Amino acid sequence: MLPFAKNALSRLQVRSIQQVVARQNHQKRAPNFHDKYGNAILAGGALFCISTWTYVSTNILVGYFFCSARD
């Protein structure tokens, strides 16, 4: 690609990005669902996964090490 064309494309992209950022800064938007509940849902999902894996792994280990049928 010619240097002139590269320079023109890069300036075009930078201007469009700057325009988008400027538009977003001027608009006041209401918080959406993810803004309101995102962290709580993430924490709840992490707690669910950790508790499920803890329960399952504990039952597998207890069943394996304390089973009298292995003797």
PDB file of N, CA and C in Angstrom:
ATOM      1  N   MET A   1       0.850  -1.171   0.000  1.00  0.00           N
ATOM      2  CA  MET A   1       0.000   0.000   0.000  1.00  0.00           C
ATOM      3  C   MET A   1       0.899   1.239   0.000  1.00  0.00           C
ATOM      4  N   LEU A   2       0.511   2.217  -0.700  1.00  0.00           N
ATOM      5  CA  LEU A   2       1.297   3.444  -0.791  1.00  0.00           C
ATOM      6  C   LEU A   2       1.279   4.193   0.544  1.00  0.00           C
ATOM      7  N   PRO A   3       2.371   4.851   0.873  1.00  0.00           N
ATOM      8  CA  PRO A   3       2.407   5.593   2.135  1.00  0.00           C
ATOM      9  C   PRO A   3       1.310   6.654   2.236  1.00  0.00           C
ATOM     10  N   PHE A   4       0.997   7.277   1.111  1.00  0.00           N
ATOM     11  CA  PHE A   4      -0.056   8.293   1.126  1.00  0.00           C
ATOM     12  C   PHE A   4      -1.405   7.684   1.505  1.00  0.00           C
ATOM     13  N   ALA A   5      -1.713   6.515   0.927  1.00  0.00           N
ATOM     14  CA  ALA A   5      -2.984   5.847   1.217  1.00  0.00           C
ATOM     15  C   ALA A   5      -3.025   5.371   2.670  1.00  0.00           C
ATOM     16  N   LYS A   6      -1.898   4.859   3.155  1.00  0.00           N
ATOM     17  CA  LYS A   6      -1.834   4.420   4.552  1.00  0.00           C
ATOM     18  C   LYS A   6      -2.113   5.580   5.500  1.00  0.00           C
ATOM     19  N   ASN A   7      -1.495   6.693   5.215  1.00  0.00           N
ATOM     20  CA  ASN A   7      -1.667   7.875   6.049  1.00  0.00           C
ATOM     21  C   ASN A   7      -3.122   8.345   6.031  1.00  0.00           C
ATOM     22  N   ALA A   8      -3.732   8.323   4.866  1.00  0.00           N
ATOM     23  CA  ALA A   8      -5.125   8.760   4.750  1.00  0.00           C
ATOM     24  C   ALA A   8      -6.054   7.830   5.523  1.00  0.00           C
ATOM     25  N   LEU A   9      -5.821   6.514   5.412  1.00  0.00           N
ATOM     26  CA  LEU A   9      -6.673   5.556   6.130  1.00  0.00           C
ATOM     27  C   LEU A   9      -6.504   5.683   7.637  1.00  0.00           C
ATOM     28  N   SER A  10      -5.273   5.850   8.091  1.00  0.00           N
ATOM     29  CA  SER A  10      -5.067   5.944   9.540  1.00  0.00           C
ATOM     30  C   SER A  10      -5.724   7.202  10.103  1.00  0.00           C
ATOM     31  N   ARG A  11      -5.658   8.302   9.380  1.00  0.00           N
ATOM     32  CA  ARG A  11      -6.313   9.521   9.853  1.00  0.00           C
ATOM     33  C   ARG A  11      -7.826   9.371   9.864  1.00  0.00           C
ATOM     34  N   LEU A  12      -8.357   8.681   8.873  1.00  0.00           N
ATOM     35  CA  LEU A  12      -9.800   8.461   8.800  1.00  0.00           C
ATOM     36  C   LEU A  12     -10.268   7.629   9.989  1.00  0.00           C
ATOM     37  N   GLN A  13      -9.528   6.579  10.317  1.00  0.00           N
ATOM     38  CA  GLN A  13      -9.913   5.714  11.428  1.00  0.00           C
ATOM     39  C   GLN A  13      -9.820   6.453  12.758  1.00  0.00           C
ATOM     40  N   VAL A  14      -8.778   7.236  12.942  1.00  0.00           N
ATOM     41  CA  VAL A  14      -8.610   7.970  14.199  1.00  0.00           C
ATOM     42  C   VAL A  14      -9.735   8.977  14.372  1.00  0.00           C
ATOM     43  N   ARG A  15     -10.106   9.661  13.314  1.00  0.00           N
ATOM     44  CA  ARG A  15     -11.196  10.631  13.415  1.00  0.00           C
ATOM     45  C   ARG A  15     -12.513   9.955  13.764  1.00  0.00           C
ATOM     46  N   SER A  16     -12.787   8.820  13.135  1.00  0.00           N
ATOM     47  CA  SER A  16     -14.062   8.159  13.416  1.00  0.00           C
ATOM     48  C   SER A  16     -14.102   7.648  14.852  1.00  0.00           C
ATOM     49  N   ILE A  17     -12.980   7.153  15.352  1.00  0.00           N
ATOM     50  CA  ILE A  17     -12.934   6.687  16.743  1.00  0.00           C
ATOM     51  C   ILE A  17     -13.137   7.872  17.688  1.00  0.00           C
ATOM     52  N   GLN A  18     -12.498   8.998  17.377  1.00  0.00           N
ATOM     53  CA  GLN A  18     -12.652  10.180  18.220  1.00  0.00           C
ATOM     54  C   GLN A  18     -14.089  10.683  18.211  1.00  0.00           C
ATOM     55  N   GLN A  19     -14.747  10.593  17.070  1.00  0.00           N
ATOM     56  CA  GLN A  19     -16.138  11.030  16.991  1.00  0.00           C
ATOM     57  C   GLN A  19     -17.042  10.128  17.825  1.00  0.00           C
ATOM     58  N   VAL A  20     -16.798   8.829  17.780  1.00  0.00           N
ATOM     59  CA  VAL A  20     -17.609   7.894  18.564  1.00  0.00           C
ATOM     60  C   VAL A  20     -17.423   8.156  20.048  1.00  0.00           C
ATOM     61  N   VAL A  21     -16.191   8.348  20.474  1.00  0.00           N
ATOM     62  CA  VAL A  21     -15.917   8.618  21.887  1.00  0.00           C
ATOM     63  C   VAL A  21     -16.568   9.929  22.312  1.00  0.00           C
ATOM     64  N   ALA A  22     -16.497  10.937  21.471  1.00  0.00           N
ATOM     65  CA  ALA A  22     -17.108  12.225  21.804  1.00  0.00           C
ATOM     66  C   ALA A  22     -18.617  12.096  21.922  1.00  0.00           C
ATOM     67  N   ARG A  23     -19.227  11.324  21.039  1.00  0.00           N
ATOM     68  CA  ARG A  23     -20.680  11.120  21.113  1.00  0.00           C
ATOM     69  C   ARG A  23     -21.063  10.392  22.391  1.00  0.00           C
ATOM     70  N   GLN A  24     -20.269   9.395  22.758  1.00  0.00           N
ATOM     71  CA  GLN A  24     -20.595   8.623  23.960  1.00  0.00           C
ATOM     72  C   GLN A  24     -20.438   9.470  25.214  1.00  0.00           C
ATOM     73  N   ASN A  25     -19.485  10.376  25.222  1.00  0.00           N
ATOM     74  CA  ASN A  25     -19.278  11.217  26.396  1.00  0.00           C
ATOM     75  C   ASN A  25     -20.396  12.231  26.587  1.00  0.00           C
ATOM     76  N   HIS A  26     -21.026  12.657  25.520  1.00  0.00           N
ATOM     77  CA  HIS A  26     -22.080  13.660  25.618  1.00  0.00           C
ATOM     78  C   HIS A  26     -23.426  13.069  25.994  1.00  0.00           C
ATOM     79  N   GLN A  27     -23.609  11.802  25.768  1.00  0.00           N
ATOM     80  CA  GLN A  27     -24.903  11.180  26.062  1.00  0.00           C
ATOM     81  C   GLN A  27     -24.907  10.665  27.493  1.00  0.00           C
ATOM     82  N   LYS A  28     -25.980  10.940  28.188  1.00  0.00           N
ATOM     83  CA  LYS A  28     -26.168  10.352  29.507  1.00  0.00           C
ATOM     84  C   LYS A  28     -27.135   9.200  29.326  1.00  0.00           C
ATOM     85  N   ARG A  29     -26.653   8.026  29.589  1.00  0.00           N
ATOM     86  CA  ARG A  29     -27.503   6.864  29.374  1.00  0.00           C
ATOM     87  C   ARG A  29     -27.883   6.256  30.717  1.00  0.00           C
ATOM     88  N   ALA A  30     -29.032   5.652  30.725  1.00  0.00           N
ATOM     89  CA  ALA A  30     -29.496   4.981  31.938  1.00  0.00           C
ATOM     90  C   ALA A  30     -28.753   3.660  32.074  1.00  0.00           C
ATOM     91  N   PRO A  31     -28.471   3.237  33.293  1.00  0.00           N
ATOM     92  CA  PRO A  31     -27.787   1.956  33.465  1.00  0.00           C
ATOM     93  C   PRO A  31     -28.667   0.810  32.977  1.00  0.00           C
ATOM     94  N   ASN A  32     -28.050  -0.117  32.279  1.00  0.00           N
ATOM     95  CA  ASN A  32     -28.805  -1.256  31.777  1.00  0.00           C
ATOM     96  C   ASN A  32     -28.718  -2.413  32.772  1.00  0.00           C
ATOM     97  N   PHE A  33     -29.229  -3.552  32.372  1.00  0.00           N
ATOM     98  CA  PHE A  33     -29.290  -4.727  33.242  1.00  0.00           C
ATOM     99  C   PHE A  33     -27.901  -5.122  33.729  1.00  0.00           C
ATOM    100  N   HIS A  34     -26.916  -5.115  32.823  1.00  0.00           N
ATOM    101  CA  HIS A  34     -25.575  -5.552  33.191  1.00  0.00           C
ATOM    102  C   HIS A  34     -24.912  -4.574  34.155  1.00  0.00           C
ATOM    103  N   ASP A  35     -25.205  -3.301  34.003  1.00  0.00           N
ATOM    104  CA  ASP A  35     -24.664  -2.321  34.944  1.00  0.00           C
ATOM    105  C   ASP A  35     -25.250  -2.512  36.339  1.00  0.00           C
ATOM    106  N   LYS A  36     -26.524  -2.841  36.399  1.00  0.00           N
ATOM    107  CA  LYS A  36     -27.191  -2.986  37.692  1.00  0.00           C
ATOM    108  C   LYS A  36     -26.842  -4.304  38.379  1.00  0.00           C
ATOM    109  N   TYR A  37     -26.911  -5.413  37.643  1.00  0.00           N
ATOM    110  CA  TYR A  37     -26.846  -6.729  38.272  1.00  0.00           C
ATOM    111  C   TYR A  37     -25.645  -7.565  37.854  1.00  0.00           C
ATOM    112  N   GLY A  38     -24.752  -7.034  37.038  1.00  0.00           N
ATOM    113  CA  GLY A  38     -23.649  -7.827  36.499  1.00  0.00           C
ATOM    114  C   GLY A  38     -22.744  -8.424  37.557  1.00  0.00           C
ATOM    115  N   ASN A  39     -22.299  -7.611  38.508  1.00  0.00           N
ATOM    116  CA  ASN A  39     -21.378  -8.107  39.532  1.00  0.00           C
ATOM    117  C   ASN A  39     -22.049  -9.114  40.453  1.00  0.00           C
ATOM    118  N   ALA A  40     -23.305  -8.896  40.786  1.00  0.00           N
ATOM    119  CA  ALA A  40     -24.015  -9.829  41.665  1.00  0.00           C
ATOM    120  C   ALA A  40     -24.204 -11.178  40.979  1.00  0.00           C
ATOM    121  N   ILE A  41     -24.532 -11.161  39.697  1.00  0.00           N
ATOM    122  CA  ILE A  41     -24.705 -12.418  38.969  1.00  0.00           C
ATOM    123  C   ILE A  41     -23.373 -13.143  38.839  1.00  0.00           C
ATOM    124  N   LEU A  42     -22.298 -12.409  38.573  1.00  0.00           N
ATOM    125  CA  LEU A  42     -20.974 -13.012  38.475  1.00  0.00           C
ATOM    126  C   LEU A  42     -20.562 -13.639  39.805  1.00  0.00           C
ATOM    127  N   ALA A  43     -20.775 -12.932  40.902  1.00  0.00           N
ATOM    128  CA  ALA A  43     -20.423 -13.465  42.219  1.00  0.00           C
ATOM    129  C   ALA A  43     -21.282 -14.675  42.563  1.00  0.00           C
ATOM    130  N   GLY A  44     -22.572 -14.624  42.235  1.00  0.00           N
ATOM    131  CA  GLY A  44     -23.447 -15.762  42.501  1.00  0.00           C
ATOM    132  C   GLY A  44     -23.060 -16.985  41.695  1.00  0.00           C
ATOM    133  N   GLY A  45     -22.701 -16.787  40.443  1.00  0.00           N
ATOM    134  CA  GLY A  45     -22.264 -17.903  39.607  1.00  0.00           C
ATOM    135  C   GLY A  45     -20.970 -18.511  40.106  1.00  0.00           C
ATOM    136  N   ALA A  46     -20.035 -17.660  40.524  1.00  0.00           N
ATOM    137  CA  ALA A  46     -18.770 -18.166  41.058  1.00  0.00           C
ATOM    138  C   ALA A  46     -19.004 -18.944  42.348  1.00  0.00           C
ATOM    139  N   LEU A  47     -19.856 -18.433  43.218  1.00  0.00           N
ATOM    140  CA  LEU A  47     -20.173 -19.130  44.460  1.00  0.00           C
ATOM    141  C   LEU A  47     -20.838 -20.472  44.183  1.00  0.00           C
ATOM    142  N   PHE A  48     -21.750 -20.503  43.226  1.00  0.00           N
ATOM    143  CA  PHE A  48     -22.418 -21.753  42.859  1.00  0.00           C
ATOM    144  C   PHE A  48     -21.413 -22.779  42.342  1.00  0.00           C
ATOM    145  N   CYS A  49     -20.524 -22.364  41.451  1.00  0.00           N
ATOM    146  CA  CYS A  49     -19.541 -23.298  40.890  1.00  0.00           C
ATOM    147  C   CYS A  49     -18.592 -23.817  41.965  1.00  0.00           C
ATOM    148  N   ILE A  50     -18.120 -22.932  42.816  1.00  0.00           N
ATOM    149  CA  ILE A  50     -17.194 -23.349  43.873  1.00  0.00           C
ATOM    150  C   ILE A  50     -17.870 -24.303  44.840  1.00  0.00           C
ATOM    151  N   SER A  51     -19.098 -23.995  45.235  1.00  0.00           N
ATOM    152  CA  SER A  51     -19.788 -24.875  46.186  1.00  0.00           C
ATOM    153  C   SER A  51     -20.122 -26.218  45.552  1.00  0.00           C
ATOM    154  N   THR A  52     -20.505 -26.229  44.283  1.00  0.00           N
ATOM    155  CA  THR A  52     -20.809 -27.496  43.608  1.00  0.00           C
ATOM    156  C   THR A  52     -19.560 -28.357  43.490  1.00  0.00           C
ATOM    157  N   TRP A  53     -18.447 -27.780  43.051  1.00  0.00           N
ATOM    158  CA  TRP A  53     -17.212 -28.546  42.925  1.00  0.00           C
ATOM    159  C   TRP A  53     -16.719 -29.023  44.290  1.00  0.00           C
ATOM    160  N   THR A  54     -16.879 -28.229  45.321  1.00  0.00           N
ATOM    161  CA  THR A  54     -16.479 -28.651  46.665  1.00  0.00           C
ATOM    162  C   THR A  54     -17.312 -29.831  47.125  1.00  0.00           C
ATOM    163  N   TYR A  55     -18.616 -29.765  46.927  1.00  0.00           N
ATOM    164  CA  TYR A  55     -19.507 -30.854  47.326  1.00  0.00           C
ATOM    165  C   TYR A  55     -19.178 -32.138  46.575  1.00  0.00           C
ATOM    166  N   VAL A  56     -19.026 -32.040  45.269  1.00  0.00           N
ATOM    167  CA  VAL A  56     -18.770 -33.235  44.455  1.00  0.00           C
ATOM    168  C   VAL A  56     -17.414 -33.832  44.790  1.00  0.00           C
ATOM    169  N   SER A  57     -16.381 -33.007  44.863  1.00  0.00           N
ATOM    170  CA  SER A  57     -15.049 -33.550  45.143  1.00  0.00           C
ATOM    171  C   SER A  57     -14.964 -34.132  46.549  1.00  0.00           C
ATOM    172  N   THR A  58     -15.637 -33.518  47.514  1.00  0.00           N
ATOM    173  CA  THR A  58     -15.643 -34.067  48.868  1.00  0.00           C
ATOM    174  C   THR A  58     -16.329 -35.422  48.898  1.00  0.00           C
ATOM    175  N   ASN A  59     -17.453 -35.550  48.228  1.00  0.00           N
ATOM    176  CA  ASN A  59     -18.147 -36.834  48.213  1.00  0.00           C
ATOM    177  C   ASN A  59     -17.348 -37.902  47.491  1.00  0.00           C
ATOM    178  N   ILE A  60     -16.647 -37.542  46.434  1.00  0.00           N
ATOM    179  CA  ILE A  60     -15.823 -38.526  45.727  1.00  0.00           C
ATOM    180  C   ILE A  60     -14.674 -38.975  46.617  1.00  0.00           C
ATOM    181  N   LEU A  61     -14.010 -38.038  47.284  1.00  0.00           N
ATOM    182  CA  LEU A  61     -12.884 -38.391  48.145  1.00  0.00           C
ATOM    183  C   LEU A  61     -13.334 -39.210  49.344  1.00  0.00           C
ATOM    184  N   VAL A  62     -14.427 -38.837  49.974  1.00  0.00           N
ATOM    185  CA  VAL A  62     -14.939 -39.587  51.121  1.00  0.00           C
ATOM    186  C   VAL A  62     -15.343 -40.985  50.678  1.00  0.00           C
ATOM    187  N   GLY A  63     -16.002 -41.091  49.558  1.00  0.00           N
ATOM    188  CA  GLY A  63     -16.412 -42.397  49.059  1.00  0.00           C
ATOM    189  C   GLY A  63     -15.237 -43.273  48.681  1.00  0.00           C
ATOM    190  N   TYR A  64     -14.163 -42.689  48.206  1.00  0.00           N
ATOM    191  CA  TYR A  64     -13.012 -43.481  47.786  1.00  0.00           C
ATOM    192  C   TYR A  64     -12.162 -43.908  48.976  1.00  0.00           C
ATOM    193  N   PHE A  65     -11.884 -43.001  49.895  1.00  0.00           N
ATOM    194  CA  PHE A  65     -10.966 -43.315  50.983  1.00  0.00           C
ATOM    195  C   PHE A  65     -11.619 -44.058  52.140  1.00  0.00           C
ATOM    196  N   PHE A  66     -12.909 -43.917  52.335  1.00  0.00           N
ATOM    197  CA  PHE A  66     -13.557 -44.550  53.472  1.00  0.00           C
ATOM    198  C   PHE A  66     -14.483 -45.685  53.071  1.00  0.00           C
ATOM    199  N   CYS A  67     -14.316 -46.179  51.885  1.00  0.00           N
ATOM    200  CA  CYS A  67     -15.155 -47.282  51.413  1.00  0.00           C
ATOM    201  C   CYS A  67     -14.555 -48.591  51.912  1.00  0.00           C
ATOM    202  N   SER A  68     -15.359 -49.427  52.550  1.00  0.00           N
ATOM    203  CA  SER A  68     -14.850 -50.691  53.086  1.00  0.00           C
ATOM    204  C   SER A  68     -14.814 -51.782  52.026  1.00  0.00           C
ATOM    205  N   ALA A  69     -15.360 -51.558  50.863  1.00  0.00           N
ATOM    206  CA  ALA A  69     -15.382 -52.579  49.818  1.00  0.00           C
ATOM    207  C   ALA A  69     -14.037 -52.696  49.106  1.00  0.00           C
ATOM    208  N   ARG A  70     -13.109 -51.781  49.335  1.00  0.00           N
ATOM    209  CA  ARG A  70     -11.812 -51.835  48.660  1.00  0.00           C
ATOM    210  C   ARG A  70     -10.893 -52.866  49.287  1.00  0.00           C
ATOM    211  N   ASP A  71     -11.120 -53.282  50.485  1.00  0.00           N
ATOM    212  CA  ASP A  71     -10.206 -54.203  51.182  1.00  0.00           C
ATOM    213  C   ASP A  71     -10.192 -55.567  50.596  1.00  0.00           C
TER     214      ASP A  71
END
